[in-house]
N, C-alpha and C. Protein backbone atom coordinates (compact mmCIF):
# COMPACT_ATOMS: atom_id res chain seq x y z
N UNK A 1 0.85 -1.19 0.00
CA UNK A 1 0.00 0.00 0.00
C UNK A 1 0.89 1.24 0.00
N UNK A 2 0.63 2.23 -0.84
CA UNK A 2 1.51 3.37 -1.00
C UNK A 2 1.40 4.34 0.16
N UNK A 3 2.49 5.05 0.44
CA UNK A 3 2.49 6.05 1.50
C UNK A 3 1.92 7.36 0.99
N UNK A 4 1.63 8.28 1.91
CA UNK A 4 1.11 9.58 1.48
C UNK A 4 1.66 10.68 2.35
N UNK A 5 1.74 11.87 1.75
CA UNK A 5 2.18 13.05 2.47
C UNK A 5 0.96 13.77 2.98
N UNK A 6 0.87 14.00 4.28
CA UNK A 6 -0.26 14.68 4.87
C UNK A 6 0.12 16.12 5.17
N UNK A 7 -0.58 17.07 4.57
CA UNK A 7 -0.27 18.47 4.76
C UNK A 7 -0.51 18.86 6.20
N UNK A 8 0.46 19.52 6.80
CA UNK A 8 0.29 20.03 8.16
C UNK A 8 0.84 19.10 9.22
N UNK A 9 1.16 17.86 8.86
CA UNK A 9 1.77 16.93 9.80
C UNK A 9 2.92 16.24 9.09
N UNK A 10 3.64 15.38 9.79
CA UNK A 10 4.75 14.69 9.16
C UNK A 10 4.26 13.68 8.15
N UNK A 11 5.15 13.34 7.20
CA UNK A 11 4.79 12.33 6.19
C UNK A 11 4.49 11.02 6.88
N UNK A 12 3.44 10.36 6.42
CA UNK A 12 3.07 9.08 7.00
C UNK A 12 2.49 8.21 5.93
N UNK A 13 2.21 6.98 6.28
CA UNK A 13 1.61 6.07 5.32
C UNK A 13 0.67 5.14 6.03
N UNK A 14 -0.17 4.55 5.24
CA UNK A 14 -1.11 3.58 5.77
C UNK A 14 -0.36 2.41 6.39
N UNK A 15 0.80 2.10 5.80
CA UNK A 15 1.59 0.98 6.30
C UNK A 15 2.52 1.38 7.43
N UNK A 16 2.63 2.69 7.72
CA UNK A 16 3.50 3.16 8.77
C UNK A 16 4.89 3.54 8.29
N UNK A 17 5.18 3.40 6.99
CA UNK A 17 6.47 3.77 6.43
C UNK A 17 6.39 5.18 5.85
N UNK A 18 7.55 5.79 5.65
CA UNK A 18 7.61 7.11 5.04
C UNK A 18 8.51 7.06 3.83
N UNK A 19 8.33 8.01 2.93
CA UNK A 19 9.20 8.08 1.78
C UNK A 19 9.16 9.50 1.24
N UNK A 20 10.15 9.92 0.43
CA UNK A 20 10.15 11.28 -0.10
C UNK A 20 9.00 11.49 -1.06
N UNK A 21 8.72 12.77 -1.38
CA UNK A 21 7.59 13.10 -2.23
C UNK A 21 7.72 12.47 -3.62
N UNK A 22 8.96 12.34 -4.12
CA UNK A 22 9.12 11.70 -5.42
C UNK A 22 10.53 11.15 -5.50
N UNK A 23 10.74 10.26 -6.47
CA UNK A 23 12.06 9.67 -6.64
C UNK A 23 12.46 9.72 -8.09
N UNK A 24 13.64 10.26 -8.34
CA UNK A 24 14.27 10.17 -9.65
C UNK A 24 15.76 9.95 -9.43
N UNK A 25 16.40 9.09 -10.18
CA UNK A 25 17.84 8.93 -10.04
C UNK A 25 18.57 10.24 -10.32
N UNK A 26 19.84 10.33 -9.92
CA UNK A 26 20.59 11.57 -10.08
C UNK A 26 20.71 11.98 -11.54
N UNK A 27 20.68 11.03 -12.43
CA UNK A 27 20.80 11.35 -13.86
C UNK A 27 19.42 11.45 -14.51
N UNK A 28 18.42 11.95 -13.75
CA UNK A 28 17.05 11.96 -14.25
C UNK A 28 16.87 12.78 -15.52
N UNK A 29 17.66 13.83 -15.70
CA UNK A 29 17.48 14.65 -16.90
C UNK A 29 17.76 13.81 -18.15
N UNK A 30 18.84 13.02 -18.14
CA UNK A 30 19.11 12.16 -19.28
C UNK A 30 18.05 11.09 -19.42
N UNK A 31 17.58 10.59 -18.29
CA UNK A 31 16.63 9.49 -18.31
C UNK A 31 15.31 9.89 -18.94
N UNK A 32 14.78 11.06 -18.57
CA UNK A 32 13.46 11.43 -19.06
C UNK A 32 13.48 11.95 -20.48
N UNK A 33 14.66 12.32 -21.00
CA UNK A 33 14.71 12.88 -22.33
C UNK A 33 15.36 11.94 -23.35
N UNK A 34 15.84 10.79 -22.90
CA UNK A 34 16.55 9.90 -23.81
C UNK A 34 15.63 9.35 -24.89
N UNK A 35 16.10 9.32 -26.15
CA UNK A 35 15.29 8.74 -27.23
C UNK A 35 15.29 7.21 -27.17
N UNK A 36 16.17 6.62 -26.35
CA UNK A 36 16.21 5.17 -26.22
C UNK A 36 15.08 4.73 -25.30
N UNK A 37 14.95 3.42 -25.14
CA UNK A 37 13.91 2.90 -24.26
C UNK A 37 14.06 3.52 -22.88
N UNK A 38 13.05 4.24 -22.39
CA UNK A 38 13.20 4.96 -21.13
C UNK A 38 13.22 4.04 -19.93
N UNK A 39 13.94 4.48 -18.90
CA UNK A 39 13.93 3.77 -17.63
C UNK A 39 12.59 4.02 -16.94
N UNK A 40 12.28 3.18 -15.97
CA UNK A 40 11.05 3.37 -15.20
C UNK A 40 11.22 4.58 -14.28
N UNK A 41 10.21 5.45 -14.27
CA UNK A 41 10.22 6.62 -13.40
C UNK A 41 9.02 6.55 -12.46
N UNK A 42 9.20 7.13 -11.29
CA UNK A 42 8.21 7.07 -10.23
C UNK A 42 7.62 8.45 -9.98
N UNK A 43 6.32 8.51 -9.74
CA UNK A 43 5.63 9.77 -9.57
C UNK A 43 5.71 10.32 -8.16
N UNK A 44 4.77 11.19 -7.83
CA UNK A 44 4.73 11.90 -6.55
C UNK A 44 3.84 11.17 -5.55
N UNK A 45 4.12 11.36 -4.27
CA UNK A 45 3.24 10.85 -3.23
C UNK A 45 2.00 11.73 -3.13
N UNK A 46 0.90 11.20 -2.61
CA UNK A 46 -0.32 12.01 -2.51
C UNK A 46 -0.17 13.14 -1.50
N UNK A 47 -0.91 14.19 -1.73
CA UNK A 47 -1.00 15.31 -0.80
C UNK A 47 -2.44 15.36 -0.29
N UNK A 48 -2.60 15.34 1.03
CA UNK A 48 -3.94 15.32 1.59
C UNK A 48 -3.93 15.83 3.01
N UNK A 49 -5.09 16.32 3.45
CA UNK A 49 -5.30 16.62 4.85
C UNK A 49 -5.89 15.41 5.54
N UNK A 50 -6.35 15.61 6.77
CA UNK A 50 -6.86 14.48 7.54
C UNK A 50 -8.26 14.06 7.14
N UNK A 51 -9.04 15.00 6.58
CA UNK A 51 -10.43 14.67 6.22
C UNK A 51 -10.73 15.16 4.79
N UNK A 52 -10.10 14.58 3.79
CA UNK A 52 -10.36 15.01 2.41
C UNK A 52 -11.78 14.67 1.98
N UNK A 53 -12.34 15.52 1.14
CA UNK A 53 -13.68 15.28 0.59
C UNK A 53 -13.65 15.07 -0.91
N UNK A 54 -12.76 15.77 -1.60
CA UNK A 54 -12.64 15.67 -3.05
C UNK A 54 -11.25 15.16 -3.38
N UNK A 55 -11.19 14.09 -4.15
CA UNK A 55 -9.94 13.43 -4.49
C UNK A 55 -9.67 13.66 -5.97
N UNK A 56 -8.67 14.50 -6.29
CA UNK A 56 -8.36 14.85 -7.67
C UNK A 56 -7.19 13.99 -8.15
N UNK A 57 -7.40 13.30 -9.26
CA UNK A 57 -6.40 12.38 -9.80
C UNK A 57 -6.00 12.78 -11.21
N UNK A 58 -4.70 12.94 -11.42
CA UNK A 58 -4.16 13.07 -12.75
C UNK A 58 -3.71 11.71 -13.25
N UNK A 59 -3.06 11.69 -14.40
CA UNK A 59 -2.55 10.43 -14.94
C UNK A 59 -1.16 10.15 -14.37
N UNK A 60 -0.19 11.00 -14.72
CA UNK A 60 1.19 10.88 -14.25
C UNK A 60 1.84 12.24 -14.42
N UNK A 61 2.75 12.65 -13.50
CA UNK A 61 3.30 14.01 -13.57
C UNK A 61 4.14 14.25 -14.82
N UNK A 62 4.16 15.50 -15.24
CA UNK A 62 5.03 15.92 -16.33
C UNK A 62 6.48 15.92 -15.87
N UNK A 63 7.39 16.06 -16.81
CA UNK A 63 8.80 16.16 -16.47
C UNK A 63 9.03 17.34 -15.52
N UNK A 64 8.41 18.49 -15.82
CA UNK A 64 8.59 19.67 -14.97
C UNK A 64 8.12 19.40 -13.54
N UNK A 65 7.01 18.70 -13.40
CA UNK A 65 6.48 18.40 -12.07
C UNK A 65 7.40 17.45 -11.31
N UNK A 66 7.94 16.45 -12.01
CA UNK A 66 8.84 15.50 -11.35
C UNK A 66 10.11 16.19 -10.88
N UNK A 67 10.67 17.04 -11.70
CA UNK A 67 11.90 17.73 -11.33
C UNK A 67 11.66 18.67 -10.16
N UNK A 68 10.52 19.37 -10.17
CA UNK A 68 10.21 20.31 -9.09
C UNK A 68 9.69 19.60 -7.84
N UNK A 69 9.19 18.38 -8.01
CA UNK A 69 8.55 17.68 -6.90
C UNK A 69 7.23 18.33 -6.52
N UNK A 70 6.54 18.86 -7.51
CA UNK A 70 5.29 19.59 -7.27
C UNK A 70 4.22 19.14 -8.24
N UNK A 71 2.99 19.01 -7.74
CA UNK A 71 1.87 18.73 -8.63
C UNK A 71 1.61 19.94 -9.54
N UNK A 72 1.41 19.64 -10.82
CA UNK A 72 1.09 20.65 -11.83
C UNK A 72 2.17 21.73 -11.85
N UNK A 73 3.43 21.25 -11.93
CA UNK A 73 4.58 22.15 -11.90
C UNK A 73 4.87 22.82 -13.23
N UNK A 74 4.24 22.39 -14.31
CA UNK A 74 4.39 23.08 -15.59
C UNK A 74 3.62 24.40 -15.52
N UNK A 75 4.28 25.54 -15.64
CA UNK A 75 3.58 26.82 -15.50
C UNK A 75 2.48 27.04 -16.54
N UNK A 76 2.49 26.27 -17.62
CA UNK A 76 1.45 26.39 -18.63
C UNK A 76 0.22 25.57 -18.30
N UNK A 77 0.34 24.68 -17.31
CA UNK A 77 -0.83 23.91 -16.89
C UNK A 77 -1.81 24.84 -16.18
N UNK A 78 -3.10 24.65 -16.44
CA UNK A 78 -4.13 25.56 -15.91
C UNK A 78 -4.59 25.21 -14.49
N UNK A 79 -4.05 24.15 -13.89
CA UNK A 79 -4.60 23.71 -12.61
C UNK A 79 -4.59 24.81 -11.56
N UNK A 80 -3.47 25.47 -11.37
CA UNK A 80 -3.39 26.45 -10.28
C UNK A 80 -4.17 27.72 -10.61
N UNK A 81 -4.35 28.03 -11.87
CA UNK A 81 -5.24 29.13 -12.24
C UNK A 81 -6.69 28.77 -11.91
N UNK A 82 -7.05 27.52 -12.16
CA UNK A 82 -8.40 27.06 -11.82
C UNK A 82 -8.59 27.06 -10.32
N UNK A 83 -7.58 26.59 -9.57
CA UNK A 83 -7.67 26.59 -8.11
C UNK A 83 -7.82 28.01 -7.57
N UNK A 84 -7.17 28.95 -8.20
CA UNK A 84 -7.30 30.35 -7.78
C UNK A 84 -8.71 30.86 -8.02
N UNK A 85 -9.26 30.55 -9.18
CA UNK A 85 -10.60 31.04 -9.53
C UNK A 85 -11.70 30.36 -8.73
N UNK A 86 -11.56 29.06 -8.49
CA UNK A 86 -12.62 28.28 -7.87
C UNK A 86 -12.48 28.22 -6.35
N UNK A 87 -11.24 28.14 -5.87
CA UNK A 87 -11.00 27.92 -4.45
C UNK A 87 -10.34 29.10 -3.75
N UNK A 88 -10.09 30.18 -4.49
CA UNK A 88 -9.47 31.38 -3.93
C UNK A 88 -8.09 31.09 -3.34
N UNK A 89 -7.30 30.28 -4.05
CA UNK A 89 -5.93 29.98 -3.65
C UNK A 89 -5.00 30.74 -4.60
N UNK A 90 -4.29 31.70 -4.09
CA UNK A 90 -3.41 32.54 -4.90
C UNK A 90 -2.33 31.67 -5.54
N UNK A 91 -2.30 31.65 -6.88
CA UNK A 91 -1.37 30.77 -7.56
C UNK A 91 0.08 31.23 -7.47
N UNK A 92 0.32 32.45 -6.96
CA UNK A 92 1.69 32.94 -6.82
C UNK A 92 2.29 32.60 -5.46
N UNK A 93 1.51 32.01 -4.57
CA UNK A 93 2.02 31.62 -3.26
C UNK A 93 3.01 30.47 -3.39
N UNK A 94 3.89 30.28 -2.39
CA UNK A 94 4.78 29.12 -2.43
C UNK A 94 3.98 27.83 -2.52
N UNK A 95 4.57 26.82 -3.14
CA UNK A 95 3.87 25.55 -3.36
C UNK A 95 3.36 24.96 -2.06
N UNK A 96 4.17 24.96 -1.02
CA UNK A 96 3.76 24.37 0.26
C UNK A 96 2.52 25.06 0.82
N UNK A 97 2.43 26.35 0.61
CA UNK A 97 1.26 27.10 1.09
C UNK A 97 0.03 26.74 0.26
N UNK A 98 0.22 26.60 -1.04
CA UNK A 98 -0.92 26.27 -1.90
C UNK A 98 -1.51 24.90 -1.57
N UNK A 99 -0.64 23.90 -1.39
CA UNK A 99 -1.18 22.56 -1.10
C UNK A 99 -1.79 22.51 0.30
N UNK A 100 -1.25 23.31 1.23
CA UNK A 100 -1.85 23.38 2.57
C UNK A 100 -3.25 23.98 2.49
N UNK A 101 -3.42 24.98 1.62
CA UNK A 101 -4.74 25.58 1.46
C UNK A 101 -5.70 24.63 0.73
N UNK A 102 -5.18 23.83 -0.17
CA UNK A 102 -6.02 22.79 -0.77
C UNK A 102 -6.54 21.85 0.31
N UNK A 103 -5.65 21.42 1.19
CA UNK A 103 -6.05 20.51 2.26
C UNK A 103 -7.09 21.17 3.17
N UNK A 104 -6.93 22.46 3.44
CA UNK A 104 -7.90 23.19 4.27
C UNK A 104 -9.28 23.18 3.63
N UNK A 105 -9.32 23.03 2.32
CA UNK A 105 -10.58 23.01 1.59
C UNK A 105 -11.04 21.58 1.28
N UNK A 106 -10.39 20.61 1.88
CA UNK A 106 -10.81 19.22 1.72
C UNK A 106 -10.42 18.60 0.40
N UNK A 107 -9.37 19.12 -0.23
CA UNK A 107 -8.93 18.61 -1.53
C UNK A 107 -7.69 17.74 -1.35
N UNK A 108 -7.69 16.57 -1.95
CA UNK A 108 -6.51 15.69 -1.99
C UNK A 108 -6.06 15.53 -3.44
N UNK A 109 -4.75 15.44 -3.64
CA UNK A 109 -4.17 15.27 -4.97
C UNK A 109 -3.34 13.99 -5.03
N UNK A 110 -3.45 13.30 -6.15
CA UNK A 110 -2.57 12.17 -6.43
C UNK A 110 -2.66 11.91 -7.93
N UNK A 111 -1.98 10.86 -8.38
CA UNK A 111 -2.07 10.41 -9.77
C UNK A 111 -2.47 8.95 -9.79
N UNK A 112 -3.08 8.52 -10.87
CA UNK A 112 -3.49 7.13 -10.99
C UNK A 112 -2.27 6.21 -11.07
N UNK A 113 -1.24 6.66 -11.78
CA UNK A 113 -0.07 5.83 -12.04
C UNK A 113 1.02 6.10 -11.01
N UNK A 114 1.55 5.03 -10.45
CA UNK A 114 2.67 5.12 -9.51
C UNK A 114 4.00 5.23 -10.25
N UNK A 115 4.19 4.40 -11.28
CA UNK A 115 5.43 4.42 -12.05
C UNK A 115 5.15 3.93 -13.46
N UNK A 116 6.04 4.31 -14.38
CA UNK A 116 5.86 3.91 -15.78
C UNK A 116 7.14 4.17 -16.54
N UNK A 117 7.12 3.82 -17.81
CA UNK A 117 8.18 4.20 -18.75
C UNK A 117 7.56 5.20 -19.71
N UNK A 118 8.26 6.32 -19.93
CA UNK A 118 7.68 7.36 -20.78
C UNK A 118 8.78 8.25 -21.34
N UNK A 119 8.69 8.55 -22.61
CA UNK A 119 9.57 9.53 -23.24
C UNK A 119 8.84 10.85 -23.26
N UNK A 120 9.41 11.88 -22.68
CA UNK A 120 8.75 13.17 -22.62
C UNK A 120 7.64 13.18 -21.60
N UNK A 121 6.64 14.05 -21.82
CA UNK A 121 5.56 14.20 -20.85
C UNK A 121 4.19 13.78 -21.36
N UNK A 122 4.09 13.38 -22.62
CA UNK A 122 2.79 13.08 -23.21
C UNK A 122 2.21 11.79 -22.64
N UNK A 123 0.92 11.82 -22.30
CA UNK A 123 0.24 10.63 -21.78
C UNK A 123 0.26 9.49 -22.79
N UNK A 124 0.23 9.82 -24.07
CA UNK A 124 0.21 8.78 -25.10
C UNK A 124 1.49 7.96 -25.12
N UNK A 125 2.55 8.47 -24.50
CA UNK A 125 3.83 7.76 -24.49
C UNK A 125 4.03 6.94 -23.23
N UNK A 126 3.05 6.90 -22.36
CA UNK A 126 3.15 6.10 -21.15
C UNK A 126 3.14 4.62 -21.50
N UNK A 127 4.11 3.88 -20.98
CA UNK A 127 4.21 2.44 -21.20
C UNK A 127 4.38 1.73 -19.87
N UNK A 128 3.91 0.52 -19.79
CA UNK A 128 4.09 -0.36 -18.62
C UNK A 128 3.70 0.34 -17.31
N UNK A 129 2.50 0.88 -17.22
CA UNK A 129 2.13 1.57 -15.98
C UNK A 129 1.93 0.62 -14.81
N UNK A 130 2.37 1.05 -13.65
CA UNK A 130 2.06 0.39 -12.38
C UNK A 130 1.20 1.37 -11.59
N UNK A 131 0.04 0.91 -11.13
CA UNK A 131 -0.93 1.84 -10.56
C UNK A 131 -0.74 2.04 -9.06
N UNK A 132 -1.09 3.24 -8.61
CA UNK A 132 -1.13 3.50 -7.18
C UNK A 132 -2.26 2.71 -6.52
N UNK A 133 -2.16 2.53 -5.22
CA UNK A 133 -3.18 1.80 -4.49
C UNK A 133 -4.36 2.73 -4.18
N UNK A 134 -5.11 3.02 -5.21
CA UNK A 134 -6.25 3.94 -5.06
C UNK A 134 -7.35 3.37 -4.18
N UNK A 135 -7.71 2.08 -4.33
CA UNK A 135 -8.70 1.52 -3.40
C UNK A 135 -8.25 1.62 -1.94
N UNK A 136 -6.96 1.41 -1.69
CA UNK A 136 -6.46 1.53 -0.34
C UNK A 136 -6.56 2.94 0.19
N UNK A 137 -6.28 3.92 -0.67
CA UNK A 137 -6.38 5.32 -0.25
C UNK A 137 -7.83 5.67 0.08
N UNK A 138 -8.75 5.23 -0.76
CA UNK A 138 -10.17 5.51 -0.52
C UNK A 138 -10.65 4.84 0.77
N UNK A 139 -10.18 3.62 1.00
CA UNK A 139 -10.56 2.92 2.22
C UNK A 139 -10.03 3.64 3.46
N UNK A 140 -8.83 4.19 3.36
CA UNK A 140 -8.21 4.88 4.49
C UNK A 140 -8.77 6.28 4.70
N UNK A 141 -9.50 6.80 3.72
CA UNK A 141 -10.07 8.15 3.82
C UNK A 141 -11.56 8.11 3.49
N UNK A 142 -12.38 7.61 4.41
CA UNK A 142 -13.81 7.44 4.16
C UNK A 142 -14.59 8.74 4.02
N UNK A 143 -13.93 9.88 4.28
CA UNK A 143 -14.61 11.17 4.13
C UNK A 143 -14.70 11.61 2.67
N UNK A 144 -13.98 10.94 1.78
CA UNK A 144 -14.01 11.33 0.36
C UNK A 144 -15.40 11.07 -0.21
N UNK A 145 -15.98 12.10 -0.78
CA UNK A 145 -17.34 12.02 -1.33
C UNK A 145 -17.36 12.12 -2.86
N UNK A 146 -16.21 12.49 -3.46
CA UNK A 146 -16.15 12.66 -4.91
C UNK A 146 -14.73 12.43 -5.40
N UNK A 147 -14.60 11.63 -6.46
CA UNK A 147 -13.33 11.45 -7.16
C UNK A 147 -13.40 12.23 -8.46
N UNK A 148 -12.42 13.08 -8.70
CA UNK A 148 -12.36 13.88 -9.92
C UNK A 148 -11.16 13.43 -10.75
N UNK A 149 -11.41 13.08 -12.00
CA UNK A 149 -10.36 12.64 -12.90
C UNK A 149 -9.99 13.79 -13.83
N UNK A 150 -8.73 14.16 -13.80
CA UNK A 150 -8.24 15.30 -14.56
C UNK A 150 -7.87 14.85 -15.97
N UNK A 151 -8.87 14.80 -16.84
CA UNK A 151 -8.64 14.47 -18.24
C UNK A 151 -8.91 13.02 -18.59
N UNK A 152 -9.01 12.76 -19.89
CA UNK A 152 -9.41 11.44 -20.37
C UNK A 152 -8.37 10.37 -20.10
N UNK A 153 -7.09 10.74 -20.11
CA UNK A 153 -6.06 9.74 -19.82
C UNK A 153 -6.19 9.24 -18.38
N UNK A 154 -6.40 10.17 -17.46
CA UNK A 154 -6.62 9.77 -16.06
C UNK A 154 -7.85 8.88 -15.96
N UNK A 155 -8.88 9.19 -16.73
CA UNK A 155 -10.08 8.37 -16.73
C UNK A 155 -9.83 6.97 -17.23
N UNK A 156 -9.06 6.85 -18.29
CA UNK A 156 -8.77 5.53 -18.85
C UNK A 156 -7.95 4.69 -17.87
N UNK A 157 -6.92 5.30 -17.29
CA UNK A 157 -6.08 4.56 -16.36
C UNK A 157 -6.82 4.25 -15.05
N UNK A 158 -7.72 5.15 -14.63
CA UNK A 158 -8.54 4.89 -13.44
C UNK A 158 -9.36 3.62 -13.63
N UNK A 159 -9.95 3.49 -14.80
CA UNK A 159 -10.77 2.31 -15.07
C UNK A 159 -9.94 1.04 -14.95
N UNK A 160 -8.74 1.08 -15.51
CA UNK A 160 -7.87 -0.10 -15.46
C UNK A 160 -7.44 -0.40 -14.03
N UNK A 161 -7.20 0.66 -13.24
CA UNK A 161 -6.66 0.48 -11.89
C UNK A 161 -7.71 0.05 -10.88
N UNK A 162 -8.98 0.36 -11.13
CA UNK A 162 -10.00 0.16 -10.08
C UNK A 162 -11.18 -0.68 -10.52
N UNK A 163 -11.13 -1.28 -11.68
CA UNK A 163 -12.30 -1.98 -12.21
C UNK A 163 -12.79 -3.10 -11.31
N UNK A 164 -11.91 -3.67 -10.52
CA UNK A 164 -12.31 -4.76 -9.63
C UNK A 164 -12.46 -4.33 -8.18
N UNK A 165 -12.43 -3.01 -7.93
CA UNK A 165 -12.48 -2.51 -6.55
C UNK A 165 -13.90 -2.14 -6.15
N UNK A 166 -14.40 -2.61 -5.01
CA UNK A 166 -15.74 -2.21 -4.56
C UNK A 166 -15.80 -0.76 -4.12
N UNK A 167 -14.66 -0.20 -3.66
CA UNK A 167 -14.65 1.19 -3.19
C UNK A 167 -14.94 2.16 -4.33
N UNK A 168 -14.37 1.90 -5.52
CA UNK A 168 -14.56 2.81 -6.63
C UNK A 168 -16.01 2.83 -7.10
N UNK A 169 -16.75 1.77 -6.83
CA UNK A 169 -18.14 1.71 -7.25
C UNK A 169 -19.06 2.45 -6.27
N UNK A 170 -18.58 2.73 -5.06
CA UNK A 170 -19.41 3.35 -4.04
C UNK A 170 -19.29 4.87 -4.01
N UNK A 171 -18.32 5.44 -4.69
CA UNK A 171 -18.07 6.87 -4.65
C UNK A 171 -18.26 7.44 -6.05
N UNK A 172 -18.99 8.56 -6.18
CA UNK A 172 -19.16 9.17 -7.50
C UNK A 172 -17.81 9.55 -8.11
N UNK A 173 -17.67 9.31 -9.40
CA UNK A 173 -16.45 9.64 -10.13
C UNK A 173 -16.82 10.56 -11.28
N UNK A 174 -16.13 11.69 -11.36
CA UNK A 174 -16.44 12.70 -12.37
C UNK A 174 -15.23 12.96 -13.24
N UNK A 175 -15.41 12.85 -14.54
CA UNK A 175 -14.34 13.15 -15.50
C UNK A 175 -14.45 14.62 -15.90
N UNK A 176 -13.39 15.39 -15.66
CA UNK A 176 -13.37 16.81 -16.00
C UNK A 176 -12.32 17.07 -17.08
N UNK A 177 -12.46 18.19 -17.80
CA UNK A 177 -11.48 18.51 -18.85
C UNK A 177 -10.07 18.61 -18.28
N UNK A 178 -9.13 18.09 -19.03
CA UNK A 178 -7.74 18.14 -18.59
C UNK A 178 -7.27 19.58 -18.43
N UNK A 179 -6.51 19.82 -17.36
CA UNK A 179 -5.91 21.15 -17.16
C UNK A 179 -4.61 21.29 -17.92
N UNK A 180 -4.17 20.23 -18.60
CA UNK A 180 -2.91 20.24 -19.33
C UNK A 180 -2.91 21.28 -20.44
N UNK A 181 -1.73 21.88 -20.72
CA UNK A 181 -1.65 22.81 -21.85
C UNK A 181 -1.92 22.13 -23.19
N UNK A 182 -1.80 20.79 -23.21
CA UNK A 182 -2.10 20.06 -24.45
C UNK A 182 -3.59 20.08 -24.79
N UNK A 183 -4.42 20.36 -23.80
CA UNK A 183 -5.87 20.43 -24.03
C UNK A 183 -6.25 21.86 -24.38
N UNK A 184 -6.08 22.20 -25.65
CA UNK A 184 -6.38 23.55 -26.11
C UNK A 184 -7.78 23.67 -26.69
N UNK A 185 -8.54 22.59 -26.62
CA UNK A 185 -9.88 22.60 -27.20
C UNK A 185 -10.82 23.51 -26.43
N UNK A 186 -10.62 23.62 -25.11
CA UNK A 186 -11.46 24.47 -24.27
C UNK A 186 -10.68 25.67 -23.77
N UNK A 187 -11.37 26.78 -23.64
CA UNK A 187 -10.74 27.98 -23.08
C UNK A 187 -10.55 27.82 -21.58
N UNK A 188 -9.69 28.65 -21.01
CA UNK A 188 -9.51 28.62 -19.56
C UNK A 188 -10.82 28.94 -18.86
N UNK A 189 -11.58 29.88 -19.37
CA UNK A 189 -12.86 30.24 -18.75
C UNK A 189 -13.82 29.06 -18.71
N UNK A 190 -13.86 28.27 -19.79
CA UNK A 190 -14.74 27.10 -19.82
C UNK A 190 -14.25 26.02 -18.87
N UNK A 191 -12.94 25.84 -18.79
CA UNK A 191 -12.40 24.87 -17.83
C UNK A 191 -12.77 25.27 -16.40
N UNK A 192 -12.63 26.55 -16.09
CA UNK A 192 -12.98 27.04 -14.75
C UNK A 192 -14.44 26.75 -14.46
N UNK A 193 -15.31 27.00 -15.43
CA UNK A 193 -16.74 26.77 -15.22
C UNK A 193 -17.01 25.31 -14.90
N UNK A 194 -16.38 24.40 -15.61
CA UNK A 194 -16.63 22.97 -15.38
C UNK A 194 -15.99 22.47 -14.08
N UNK A 195 -14.89 23.08 -13.69
CA UNK A 195 -14.19 22.65 -12.48
C UNK A 195 -14.79 23.24 -11.20
N UNK A 196 -15.80 24.07 -11.31
CA UNK A 196 -16.41 24.66 -10.12
C UNK A 196 -17.01 23.60 -9.19
N UNK A 197 -17.22 22.40 -9.69
CA UNK A 197 -17.78 21.32 -8.88
C UNK A 197 -16.86 20.94 -7.72
N UNK A 198 -15.57 21.27 -7.79
CA UNK A 198 -14.65 20.91 -6.71
C UNK A 198 -14.72 21.89 -5.54
N UNK A 199 -15.49 22.95 -5.67
CA UNK A 199 -15.55 23.96 -4.62
C UNK A 199 -16.01 23.34 -3.30
N UNK A 200 -15.24 23.56 -2.25
CA UNK A 200 -15.57 23.05 -0.92
C UNK A 200 -15.33 24.16 0.10
N UNK A 201 -16.01 24.12 1.26
CA UNK A 201 -15.79 25.15 2.27
C UNK A 201 -14.43 25.00 2.95
N UNK A 202 -13.90 26.12 3.42
CA UNK A 202 -12.64 26.08 4.16
C UNK A 202 -12.87 25.39 5.49
N UNK A 203 -11.99 24.47 5.85
CA UNK A 203 -12.13 23.74 7.12
C UNK A 203 -11.78 24.67 8.29
N UNK A 204 -12.58 24.62 9.33
CA UNK A 204 -12.31 25.40 10.53
C UNK A 204 -11.39 24.63 11.46
N UNK A 205 -10.37 25.32 12.05
CA UNK A 205 -9.47 24.61 12.96
C UNK A 205 -10.19 24.17 14.22
């Protein structure tokens, strides 16, 4: 069962082990850009508070996100602009502050894929995916009332990862337009309108 980073407290896991937010070998720049068969790369640990209500899942982090160790680290990705418009989280704040404010609003972030082989950042180039323990995460966080899939690739991989899980059948799952810069079919304004469903009240201490 995968570990998770809990905003506001020390890193912990369902199994009691801890691990860094992400792992890449020291030569990761060569690894992620090599035209040869890529090495397996590992994504980010989940970010969550103690009582998440909305669970947002991407497919797998971009190269920029992996290097920064931050969700939606590509500045062209619309996620943090959407979070600013919908959740009133200033996108210019430090990353640690932004994810803490997400947790205050009951938002958890993770990706469907734990590790894979991929050249570049395109979802279409993902090979040999190993999935995160999403059923385990849902079981450990019974306050989650909605799963949001960030784009069609996340939706496709979610189906593969959870098709045999009873937990995924008990919680509503909503596919929303990808916040990726590759999704130019919708304007930012339209993406914001559709993503308003994630709006949650700020948690009181």
